[in-house]
Protein backbone atom coordinates (compact mmCIF):
# COMPACT_ATOMS: atom_id res chain seq x y z
CA MET A 1 184.59 98.92 262.62
CA GLU A 2 183.82 95.91 259.89
CA GLU A 3 187.16 96.03 257.54
CA LYS A 4 185.98 97.60 254.05
CA ASN A 5 187.31 97.20 250.80
CA GLU A 6 189.57 100.36 250.13
CA GLN A 7 189.75 99.83 246.96
CA LYS A 8 187.35 102.74 244.68
CA ASN A 9 185.97 101.30 242.15
CA THR A 10 186.78 105.03 239.83
CA ALA A 11 184.17 103.02 237.42
CA ASP A 12 181.07 103.78 239.85
CA LEU A 13 182.32 107.38 240.92
CA GLN A 14 179.63 110.19 239.66
CA PRO A 15 179.37 113.61 239.69
CA ARG A 16 177.48 115.20 243.20
CA GLN A 17 175.62 118.16 244.18
CA PRO A 18 177.91 120.48 246.12
CA VAL A 19 176.98 120.78 250.33
CA ILE A 20 177.32 124.33 251.14
CA VAL A 21 177.93 125.79 254.38
CA VAL A 22 176.54 129.49 255.68
CA LEU A 23 178.81 131.73 258.42
CA GLY A 24 179.78 135.21 259.06
CA HIS A 25 178.46 137.83 262.09
CA VAL A 26 175.27 137.64 263.53
CA ASP A 27 173.00 140.13 262.86
CA HIS A 28 175.01 139.94 259.36
CA GLY A 29 172.41 137.91 256.93
CA LYS A 30 172.61 134.36 257.68
CA SER A 31 169.73 133.31 258.62
CA SER A 32 167.85 135.72 255.88
CA LEU A 33 169.96 134.58 253.06
CA LEU A 34 168.71 130.81 253.60
CA GLU A 35 166.13 131.89 254.41
CA ALA A 36 166.03 133.73 250.31
CA ILE A 37 166.93 131.53 248.54
CA LYS A 38 164.61 128.68 250.13
CA ASP A 39 161.36 131.31 248.75
CA LEU A 40 163.34 131.63 246.00
CA LYS A 41 163.95 128.36 244.71
CA ILE A 42 162.02 125.55 247.16
CA THR A 43 157.59 126.54 245.96
CA SER A 44 155.00 126.45 247.40
CA LYS A 45 153.84 123.73 245.60
CA GLU A 46 156.43 121.08 246.93
CA SER A 47 155.04 119.87 249.47
CA GLY A 48 154.21 122.97 251.01
CA GLY A 49 157.94 123.71 251.23
CA ILE A 50 159.89 123.59 254.37
CA THR A 51 157.47 122.65 257.31
CA GLN A 52 159.98 122.06 260.36
CA HIS A 53 163.77 122.42 260.63
CA ILE A 54 165.60 119.73 260.15
CA GLY A 55 169.24 121.47 259.79
CA ALA A 56 169.22 120.75 255.80
CA TYR A 57 168.05 121.28 252.79
CA GLU A 58 168.12 121.27 248.82
CA ILE A 59 167.76 123.87 246.54
CA GLU A 60 167.72 122.99 242.51
CA HIS A 61 169.61 126.15 240.20
CA LYS A 62 169.74 125.60 236.41
CA ASP A 63 168.91 121.79 236.90
CA LYS A 64 171.65 121.05 239.24
CA LYS A 65 170.86 120.42 243.18
CA ILE A 66 172.83 122.28 245.12
CA THR A 67 172.63 121.30 249.28
CA PHE A 68 172.47 123.85 252.39
CA ILE A 69 173.20 123.06 255.90
CA ASP A 70 170.66 124.96 257.51
CA THR A 71 171.40 125.83 261.20
CA PRO A 72 171.50 129.10 263.37
CA GLY A 73 174.77 129.96 262.17
CA HIS A 74 176.11 127.04 261.95
CA GLU A 75 178.43 126.68 266.06
CA ALA A 76 178.32 123.60 265.44
CA PHE A 77 180.48 123.78 262.48
CA SER A 78 183.81 124.17 264.34
CA ALA A 79 182.79 121.01 266.62
CA MET A 80 182.49 119.04 263.47
CA ARG A 81 185.41 119.65 262.13
CA SER A 82 187.32 119.37 265.19
CA ARG A 83 186.09 115.77 265.30
CA GLY A 84 187.45 114.85 262.04
CA ALA A 85 184.33 114.49 260.02
CA LYS A 86 184.80 117.11 257.11
CA VAL A 87 180.58 118.94 256.66
CA ALA A 88 180.38 120.61 253.88
CA ASP A 89 182.44 120.98 250.11
CA ILE A 90 182.42 125.24 249.84
CA ALA A 91 181.19 128.03 252.95
CA ILE A 92 179.96 131.04 252.35
CA LEU A 93 181.06 133.84 253.74
CA VAL A 94 178.23 136.33 254.98
CA VAL A 95 179.87 140.14 255.68
CA ALA A 96 177.25 142.84 255.92
CA ALA A 97 177.49 145.49 253.34
CA GLU A 98 177.47 148.60 255.54
CA GLU A 99 179.34 146.78 258.74
CA GLY A 100 182.05 145.39 257.37
CA ILE A 101 184.32 142.98 258.81
CA LYS A 102 183.79 141.47 262.99
CA PRO A 103 184.71 139.84 265.70
CA GLN A 104 182.87 136.75 264.62
CA THR A 105 183.41 137.74 260.21
CA LYS A 106 187.03 136.56 261.43
CA GLU A 107 186.22 133.17 263.04
CA ALA A 108 184.21 132.46 260.60
CA ILE A 109 187.60 133.22 258.18
CA SER A 110 189.64 131.34 260.19
CA HIS A 111 187.38 128.20 260.60
CA ILE A 112 186.77 128.20 256.97
CA LYS A 113 190.79 128.49 256.25
CA LYS A 114 191.57 125.27 259.19
CA ALA A 115 189.03 123.60 257.32
CA GLY A 116 190.87 124.20 254.06
CA ILE A 117 187.79 124.39 252.14
CA PRO A 118 187.29 127.10 248.85
CA PHE A 119 184.45 129.64 249.38
CA VAL A 120 182.72 132.83 248.13
CA VAL A 121 182.21 136.25 249.76
CA ALA A 122 178.89 137.25 249.78
CA ILE A 123 178.50 141.07 250.70
CA ASN A 124 174.99 141.14 252.12
CA LYS A 125 172.26 144.40 252.40
CA ILE A 126 173.83 145.84 249.49
CA ASP A 127 170.08 148.12 249.47
CA LYS A 128 171.32 150.20 252.17
CA PRO A 129 172.63 153.83 251.62
CA GLU A 130 175.01 152.67 253.96
CA ALA A 131 176.28 150.33 251.75
CA ASP A 132 180.20 150.12 251.18
CA PRO A 133 181.43 146.83 249.02
CA GLU A 134 184.04 147.95 248.11
CA ARG A 135 185.25 149.59 251.64
CA VAL A 136 184.10 145.75 252.55
CA LYS A 137 186.87 143.63 250.05
CA ARG A 138 190.03 145.57 251.17
CA ASP A 139 189.49 145.39 254.95
CA LEU A 140 188.72 141.87 253.84
CA SER A 141 192.66 141.64 251.96
CA GLN A 142 193.54 143.30 255.86
CA GLN A 143 192.29 139.56 256.85
CA GLY A 144 194.02 137.58 254.21
CA VAL A 145 190.78 137.11 251.85
CA GLN A 146 191.62 138.76 248.38
CA VAL A 147 188.29 138.90 246.15
CA GLU A 148 188.71 138.61 242.65
CA SER A 149 187.81 142.20 241.77
CA LEU A 150 190.76 143.55 243.65
CA GLY A 151 193.20 140.46 241.93
CA GLY A 152 192.07 138.42 244.73
CA ASP A 153 191.15 134.59 243.87
CA VAL A 154 187.99 134.84 246.00
CA PRO A 155 185.15 135.25 244.35
CA SER A 156 182.56 137.48 245.47
CA ALA A 157 179.31 138.76 244.99
CA ASN A 158 177.33 141.63 246.43
CA ILE A 159 173.66 140.28 247.68
CA SER A 160 170.65 141.31 249.49
CA ALA A 161 168.77 138.61 251.03
CA LYS A 162 165.73 141.84 251.65
CA THR A 163 165.32 142.47 248.22
CA LYS A 164 166.70 138.90 246.46
CA GLN A 165 169.19 140.81 244.10
CA GLY A 166 172.23 139.12 243.22
CA ILE A 167 171.13 135.93 244.34
CA ASP A 168 170.80 134.06 241.57
CA GLU A 169 174.85 135.23 241.07
CA LEU A 170 175.45 134.41 244.83
CA LEU A 171 174.44 130.14 243.24
CA GLU A 172 176.05 131.09 239.79
CA LEU A 173 179.44 131.10 241.79
CA ILE A 174 178.54 128.55 244.42
CA LEU A 175 178.11 125.66 241.12
CA LEU A 176 181.23 127.70 238.96
CA ILE A 177 182.91 126.72 242.43
CA SER A 178 181.30 122.81 242.86
CA GLU A 179 182.11 122.45 239.21
CA MET A 180 186.28 123.63 239.44
CA GLU A 181 186.39 120.83 242.81
CA GLU A 182 185.06 118.21 240.62
CA LEU A 183 182.95 116.43 243.44
CA LYS A 184 181.87 113.10 243.22
CA GLY A 185 180.69 110.13 244.55
CA ASN A 186 180.58 106.20 245.08
CA PRO A 187 176.64 105.54 244.91
CA GLN A 188 177.36 101.69 244.75
CA LYS A 189 179.16 101.78 248.44
CA PRO A 190 177.75 101.21 251.86
CA GLY A 191 176.63 104.68 252.35
CA GLU A 192 178.88 107.47 255.20
CA GLY A 193 178.44 111.03 255.85
CA VAL A 194 177.71 113.18 259.00
CA ILE A 195 174.62 113.57 261.72
CA ILE A 196 173.57 117.39 261.24
CA GLU A 197 170.80 117.57 263.60
CA SER A 198 169.18 115.19 265.78
CA TYR A 199 165.89 115.42 268.36
CA LEU A 200 163.67 113.29 270.55
CA ASP A 201 160.39 113.44 268.85
CA SER A 202 157.83 112.65 271.56
CA LYS A 203 155.42 110.77 268.44
CA ARG A 204 158.57 108.97 265.97
CA GLY A 205 160.73 108.52 268.97
CA PRO A 206 165.02 109.63 268.68
CA THR A 207 165.07 111.67 264.98
CA ALA A 208 168.17 112.58 262.98
CA THR A 209 169.06 114.18 260.14
CA LEU A 210 172.04 112.88 258.40
CA LEU A 211 174.34 114.06 255.14
CA VAL A 212 175.21 111.45 253.06
CA ARG A 213 178.86 112.54 252.35
CA ASP A 214 178.66 109.44 249.69
CA GLY A 215 177.43 105.87 249.41
CA CYS A 216 173.92 105.29 249.17
CA LEU A 217 171.97 104.73 252.32
CA GLY A 218 168.91 102.94 252.55
CA ALA A 219 165.63 102.47 254.71
CA GLY A 220 166.43 98.83 256.38
CA ASP A 221 169.87 100.27 256.12
CA ILE A 222 171.73 99.43 260.36
CA VAL A 223 173.46 103.11 260.91
CA ALA A 224 175.95 103.78 263.81
CA THR A 225 177.51 106.22 264.79
CA ARG A 226 180.33 106.31 268.26
CA SER A 227 177.58 106.87 270.55
CA ALA A 228 173.68 105.23 268.53
CA SER A 229 172.98 102.77 266.40
CA GLY A 230 169.70 101.21 264.80
CA LYS A 231 167.65 99.91 261.90
CA ILE A 232 166.22 103.13 259.67
CA ARG A 233 163.21 101.95 259.83
CA ILE A 234 161.97 105.99 257.95
CA LEU A 235 164.44 107.21 255.75
CA GLU A 236 162.17 110.79 253.94
CA ASN A 237 163.68 113.90 252.48
CA PHE A 238 164.23 117.30 253.48
CA GLN A 239 160.36 118.54 252.82
CA GLY A 240 159.50 115.32 255.09
CA GLU A 241 159.22 112.62 251.79
CA SER A 242 158.80 108.55 252.46
CA LEU A 243 162.61 107.85 250.24
CA LYS A 244 163.92 104.31 249.40
CA LYS A 245 167.56 105.72 249.17
CA ALA A 246 169.54 108.46 249.39
CA GLY A 247 172.90 108.89 247.55
CA PRO A 248 175.97 111.27 248.12
CA SER A 249 175.27 114.88 249.43
CA MET A 250 171.83 114.41 249.64
CA PRO A 251 170.33 114.90 253.59
CA VAL A 252 168.00 112.84 255.06
CA ILE A 253 165.78 112.77 258.28
CA VAL A 254 165.95 109.04 259.55
CA ILE A 255 163.72 107.72 262.36
CA GLY A 256 165.54 104.67 263.87
CA PHE A 257 168.34 105.32 266.29
CA GLU A 258 167.51 103.47 269.55
CA THR A 259 169.09 107.03 270.99
CA VAL A 260 168.99 110.60 270.07
CA PRO A 261 173.12 110.28 268.66
CA GLN A 262 175.43 113.40 268.73
CA VAL A 263 175.25 116.27 266.03
CA GLY A 264 178.74 116.18 264.20
CA GLU A 265 179.77 111.84 264.41
CA LYS A 266 180.15 110.57 261.45
CA PHE A 267 177.36 107.80 260.74
CA GLU A 268 178.32 104.31 259.32
CA VAL A 269 176.31 101.58 257.79
CA TYR A 270 176.93 98.45 259.18
CA SER A 271 175.52 94.39 257.63
CA SER A 272 174.50 94.04 261.20
CA LEU A 273 173.25 95.52 264.78
CA GLU A 274 175.54 92.99 266.50
CA ASN A 275 178.70 94.55 264.32
CA ALA A 276 177.01 97.67 264.83
CA GLN A 277 177.27 97.23 268.60
CA LYS A 278 180.70 96.03 269.17
CA TYR A 279 181.75 99.36 267.27
CA ILE A 280 179.71 101.06 269.71
CA GLU A 281 181.10 99.15 272.98
CA LYS A 282 185.13 100.12 271.61
CA LYS A 283 184.32 103.70 271.09
CA GLU A 284 182.85 104.18 274.17
CA ARG A 285 186.01 102.08 276.57
CA LYS A 286 187.87 104.39 274.16
CA GLU A 287 186.33 107.50 275.37
CA ASP A 288 185.33 106.69 279.03
CA GLU A 289 189.91 105.88 279.05
CA GLY A 290 190.62 109.11 277.59
CA GLU A 291 188.33 111.36 279.17
CA VAL A 292 188.80 112.00 282.99
CA PHE A 293 188.07 115.41 284.14
CA PHE A 294 190.75 116.86 285.95
CA VAL A 295 190.37 119.60 288.62
CA GLU A 296 192.95 120.71 291.23
CA GLU A 297 193.72 120.40 295.15
CA GLY A 298 191.54 122.94 296.29
CA LYS A 299 189.84 124.32 293.06
CA LYS A 300 186.04 125.08 293.32
CA VAL A 301 184.10 123.40 290.29
CA LEU A 302 180.80 124.47 289.22
CA ASN A 303 178.36 121.02 287.79
CA LEU A 304 175.66 121.64 285.22
CA ILE A 305 172.84 120.25 283.78
CA LEU A 306 172.48 121.42 281.03
CA LYS A 307 168.86 120.54 278.67
CA SER A 308 168.32 121.70 274.58
CA ASP A 309 165.43 121.28 272.04
CA VAL A 310 168.04 119.83 269.88
CA GLN A 311 171.54 118.12 269.94
CA GLY A 312 172.80 120.95 267.65
CA SER A 313 171.86 123.54 270.18
CA THR A 314 173.69 121.30 272.87
CA GLU A 315 176.23 121.16 271.50
CA ALA A 316 176.31 124.67 270.66
CA ILE A 317 175.95 125.46 273.90
CA SER A 318 178.63 123.30 275.37
CA GLU A 319 181.00 124.48 272.66
CA SER A 320 180.77 128.38 274.13
CA LEU A 321 180.25 127.14 278.15
CA LYS A 322 184.44 125.36 277.33
CA GLY A 323 184.98 129.72 276.04
CA LEU A 324 184.47 130.18 279.75
CA PRO A 325 187.75 131.22 281.75
CA GLN A 326 188.19 128.70 284.87
CA GLU A 327 191.43 129.66 286.42
CA LYS A 328 189.24 130.63 289.93
CA ILE A 329 186.66 128.07 289.14
CA ALA A 330 185.70 125.11 286.91
CA LEU A 331 182.68 124.32 285.07
CA ARG A 332 181.91 120.53 284.47
CA ILE A 333 178.56 119.94 282.06
CA LEU A 334 177.19 116.50 284.51
CA LYS A 335 174.82 116.05 280.95
CA GLY A 336 174.52 117.57 278.28
CA ASP A 337 170.86 115.92 276.49
CA VAL A 338 167.76 116.94 274.37
CA GLY A 339 164.15 116.72 275.88
CA ASP A 340 162.57 118.90 278.51
CA ILE A 341 163.81 119.27 282.26
CA GLY A 342 162.32 116.04 284.02
CA GLU A 343 163.00 114.28 287.17
CA SER A 344 166.24 112.45 286.69
CA ASP A 345 167.29 115.86 286.03
CA VAL A 346 166.27 117.07 288.99
CA LYS A 347 167.30 114.41 291.45
CA LEU A 348 170.67 114.58 289.20
CA ALA A 349 170.87 118.47 290.45
CA LYS A 350 169.92 117.42 294.10
CA SER A 351 172.74 114.57 294.40
CA SER A 352 175.66 116.65 292.54
CA LYS A 353 174.61 119.82 293.49
CA ALA A 354 174.30 120.71 290.10
CA SER A 355 172.62 123.51 288.17
CA ILE A 356 170.22 123.20 285.49
CA VAL A 357 169.86 125.57 282.24
CA GLY A 358 167.64 124.61 279.25
CA PHE A 359 167.59 126.02 276.13
CA ARG A 360 164.11 125.86 274.68
CA VAL A 361 162.74 123.88 276.73
CA LYS A 362 160.06 122.57 279.14
CA ILE A 363 160.62 122.05 282.80
CA THR A 364 158.04 119.03 283.49
CA PRO A 365 154.90 119.44 286.60
CA THR A 366 157.33 117.05 288.66
CA ALA A 367 160.45 118.58 288.31
CA ALA A 368 159.18 121.96 289.00
CA VAL A 369 157.80 120.74 292.21
CA LEU A 370 161.05 118.23 293.40
CA ALA A 371 163.59 121.67 292.50
CA GLU A 372 161.06 123.73 294.59
CA ARG A 373 161.16 120.70 297.46
CA ASP A 374 164.94 120.16 297.37
CA GLY A 375 166.22 123.77 296.28
CA VAL A 376 167.08 123.23 293.27
CA ARG A 377 168.34 126.09 290.38
CA ILE A 378 166.86 125.58 287.80
CA LYS A 379 166.45 128.10 284.77
CA THR A 380 165.67 128.32 281.34
CA PHE A 381 166.18 130.64 277.93
CA ASP A 382 165.16 130.57 274.03
CA ILE A 383 168.73 132.96 273.73
CA ILE A 384 171.95 131.30 273.99
CA TYR A 385 173.52 134.48 274.51
CA GLU A 386 171.25 134.36 277.38
CA LEU A 387 172.28 131.27 278.93
CA ILE A 388 176.29 131.94 278.95
CA GLN A 389 175.89 134.90 280.43
CA GLU A 390 173.74 133.16 283.07
CA VAL A 391 175.74 130.25 283.26
CA ARG A 392 179.06 132.83 283.97
CA GLN A 393 177.00 135.06 287.20
CA ILE A 394 176.42 132.00 288.51
CA MET A 395 180.32 130.97 288.71
CA GLU A 396 181.27 133.95 289.44
CA LYS A 397 178.83 133.83 292.10
CA ASN A 398 180.54 130.55 293.30
CA VAL A 399 184.49 132.65 293.20
CA GLY A 400 182.96 134.65 296.37
CA SER A 401 184.29 138.51 296.79
CA GLU A 402 187.71 138.94 296.53
CA LYS A 403 189.99 140.70 298.69
CA VAL A 404 191.72 143.54 296.95
CA ARG A 405 194.26 146.26 297.33
CA VAL A 406 193.79 149.24 296.54
CA ASP A 407 196.71 151.48 296.94
CA VAL A 408 196.44 156.02 298.40
CA GLY A 409 199.23 157.65 298.68
CA LYS A 410 202.64 157.83 299.84
CA MET A 411 204.53 160.51 302.39
CA LYS A 412 208.22 160.73 303.33
CA ALA A 413 209.40 160.35 306.98
CA VAL A 414 210.45 163.39 308.27
CA ALA A 415 210.89 163.51 311.83
CA ILE A 416 209.65 160.95 314.79
CA PHE A 417 208.01 163.15 317.58
CA LEU A 418 206.98 160.24 320.26
CA THR A 419 208.06 156.81 320.43
CA GLU A 420 205.35 154.59 322.78
CA LYS A 421 205.65 151.03 322.61
CA ASN A 422 204.28 149.98 319.50
CA ARG A 423 203.17 153.50 318.33
CA GLN A 424 204.96 157.09 316.92
CA ILE A 425 204.59 160.38 316.27
CA VAL A 426 205.83 160.41 312.17
CA GLY A 427 205.77 163.33 311.38
CA GLY A 428 206.44 163.93 307.21
CA LYS A 429 205.28 165.55 303.69
CA VAL A 430 203.22 163.37 300.93
CA ILE A 431 205.01 162.80 298.19
CA GLU A 432 201.83 160.76 295.87
CA GLY A 433 199.23 160.71 295.85
CA GLU A 434 197.01 161.16 299.12
CA ILE A 435 196.51 159.38 302.39
CA ARG A 436 193.67 158.77 304.71
CA LYS A 437 193.27 158.38 308.93
CA GLY A 438 191.89 155.28 309.29
CA THR A 439 194.37 153.44 306.05
CA GLN A 440 196.81 150.61 306.39
CA ILE A 441 200.98 151.31 306.15
CA GLU A 442 203.71 149.58 304.52
CA VAL A 443 207.23 150.46 306.25
CA PHE A 444 210.14 150.76 303.65
CA ARG A 445 213.41 151.81 303.92
CA GLY A 446 214.82 152.37 301.11
CA GLU A 447 213.90 149.79 298.42
CA ASP A 448 213.57 146.81 301.39
CA TYR A 449 210.10 146.60 303.18
CA ILE A 450 210.04 146.52 307.07
CA GLY A 451 207.12 145.60 308.10
CA LYS A 452 203.89 147.48 308.58
CA GLY A 453 200.72 148.95 310.59
CA ARG A 454 198.16 151.12 310.20
CA ILE A 455 196.93 155.24 310.76
CA VAL A 456 195.15 155.99 313.82
CA SER A 457 195.00 159.68 313.44
CA LEU A 458 195.99 162.07 311.29
CA GLN A 459 197.06 165.87 311.98
CA ARG A 460 197.50 169.12 309.98
CA ASN A 461 198.65 172.57 311.49
CA LYS A 462 197.79 171.15 314.87
CA LYS A 463 193.85 170.14 313.59
CA THR A 464 193.00 166.56 313.62
CA VAL A 465 191.83 165.66 309.64
CA ASP A 466 190.66 163.24 307.23
CA LYS A 467 192.95 162.99 304.83
CA ALA A 468 196.09 165.30 303.38
CA ALA A 469 197.16 165.30 299.64
CA LYS A 470 200.24 165.70 297.92
CA GLY A 471 202.77 168.55 298.76
CA GLU A 472 201.42 168.97 302.48
CA GLU A 473 202.54 168.49 305.67
CA CYS A 474 201.08 165.64 307.91
CA GLY A 475 201.83 164.33 310.99
CA VAL A 476 200.36 160.96 311.84
CA LEU A 477 200.16 158.75 314.57
CA TYR A 478 201.45 155.23 313.47
CA GLU A 479 200.48 151.88 314.94
CA GLY A 480 202.69 148.76 314.03
CA ASP A 481 205.28 146.10 314.54
CA VAL A 482 207.91 147.51 313.89
CA LYS A 483 209.72 151.51 313.90
CA VAL A 484 209.39 153.87 311.44
CA GLN A 485 212.93 155.47 311.13
CA GLU A 486 213.71 159.38 309.47
CA GLY A 487 213.66 159.07 305.58
CA ASP A 488 211.40 155.69 305.62
CA VAL A 489 208.59 155.84 303.71
CA LEU A 490 205.46 154.76 304.78
CA HIS A 491 203.08 153.21 302.01
CA PHE A 492 198.85 153.72 302.31
CA PHE A 493 196.79 151.15 301.27
CA THR A 494 192.98 149.94 301.85
CA GLU A 495 192.09 146.65 300.71
CA GLU A 496 188.49 146.22 299.94
CA SER A 497 186.10 143.55 299.22
CA ARG A 498 185.03 143.12 295.61
CA LYS A 499 182.25 140.48 293.40
CA GLY A 500 184.45 137.78 292.22
CA THR A 501 185.08 137.59 288.48
CA LEU A 502 185.98 134.89 286.11
């Protein structure tokens, strides 16, 4: 990395707008809230609103700007945090007033606490008849979140994304927290920040949404992340309008990267492409040395190729897939990038015996023909949950069926009537469960395991029967490698073949 003067000139520091991330349980209204804020604060006269999803946008409230990170539930938030890239200044925790705390609510609270950022609770859907905001507040206190109205220090607002009730009050709380945090940036130094979204545009090439965390970013600047670099050819605001410069906390669209950068990566401005490239090569060497995919000997592996519409989706899906149980089979993502499924993907899948899954992408005609010819499995999805379930099913299928022991009953040997070479007629009483013809037997003498055999036939009251229940006396024709003695306990069990599970 280039040497920089770390001494900040405090005279250059200026107040900057807050960056907000919205978190919460699925279906509690994260996306609806963001849409409601857009509808209220970004009017149609302003370049027709936002024409495409870019992952971040700005609004203005009471003559002050606020930046919102807008990716689906921001699944990539935790990935960004784990890389040490501070993304947001303030979080909004959305909880539905009629449902209350759910598993992903708890997960969101954990993310916020680990990130160490202030937050406000938005109790959504208060327009519903069954809404109970006070119960939500009490439930939150059980999770260590004490709202101000119950004597805590976390602000909360009752809102309805549907009717837009309480939105202004929520934004005022955000500005108040922002003021207390005294957020500042230095627009005089070179820009640095985080990649919020990225994808490959068929007409404009690698396209990325950058959040400028500090400094100033300008058209013509040379930028680099750990995986990509380039010279900014086009710099636009979130509405696609051309910019010359962008300051702290601004989300911008950048065209000029030579390859698509990864979501969550930090970017910095460099004095030359040569210096930027040195930084990337150094990072790549470090990662290549550190990331070795190790699998225990004899353990099965599922190779996977993942293609998505945008880099944020790739990040989110990869993180979810890593969460699948891998004790019985390891999951290895050979390739995870953006764009349609093409010929090179199918060739890689064939050579590595991999499956291909796609999220909101198409399969090129050539790739489809090749896949059918070579027997390469390809499946595409529009819902992340369904893609994850499909991968889980493929893993379970590859685990194969498992032999499972099922204990059925026990019999105490009371008398031995006949002994041949490896057969005995054993009379006894069923003391647990039931015993059935055709089952396997383990012989125990006291606490000691003696040996095993099987039941050839079963009689009760001198009649051949299929089973005998607890409390009944019966005789069994036992065949095994050990001799049964009076007082032994016979354990009867079966072995069933069951579908493999993770």
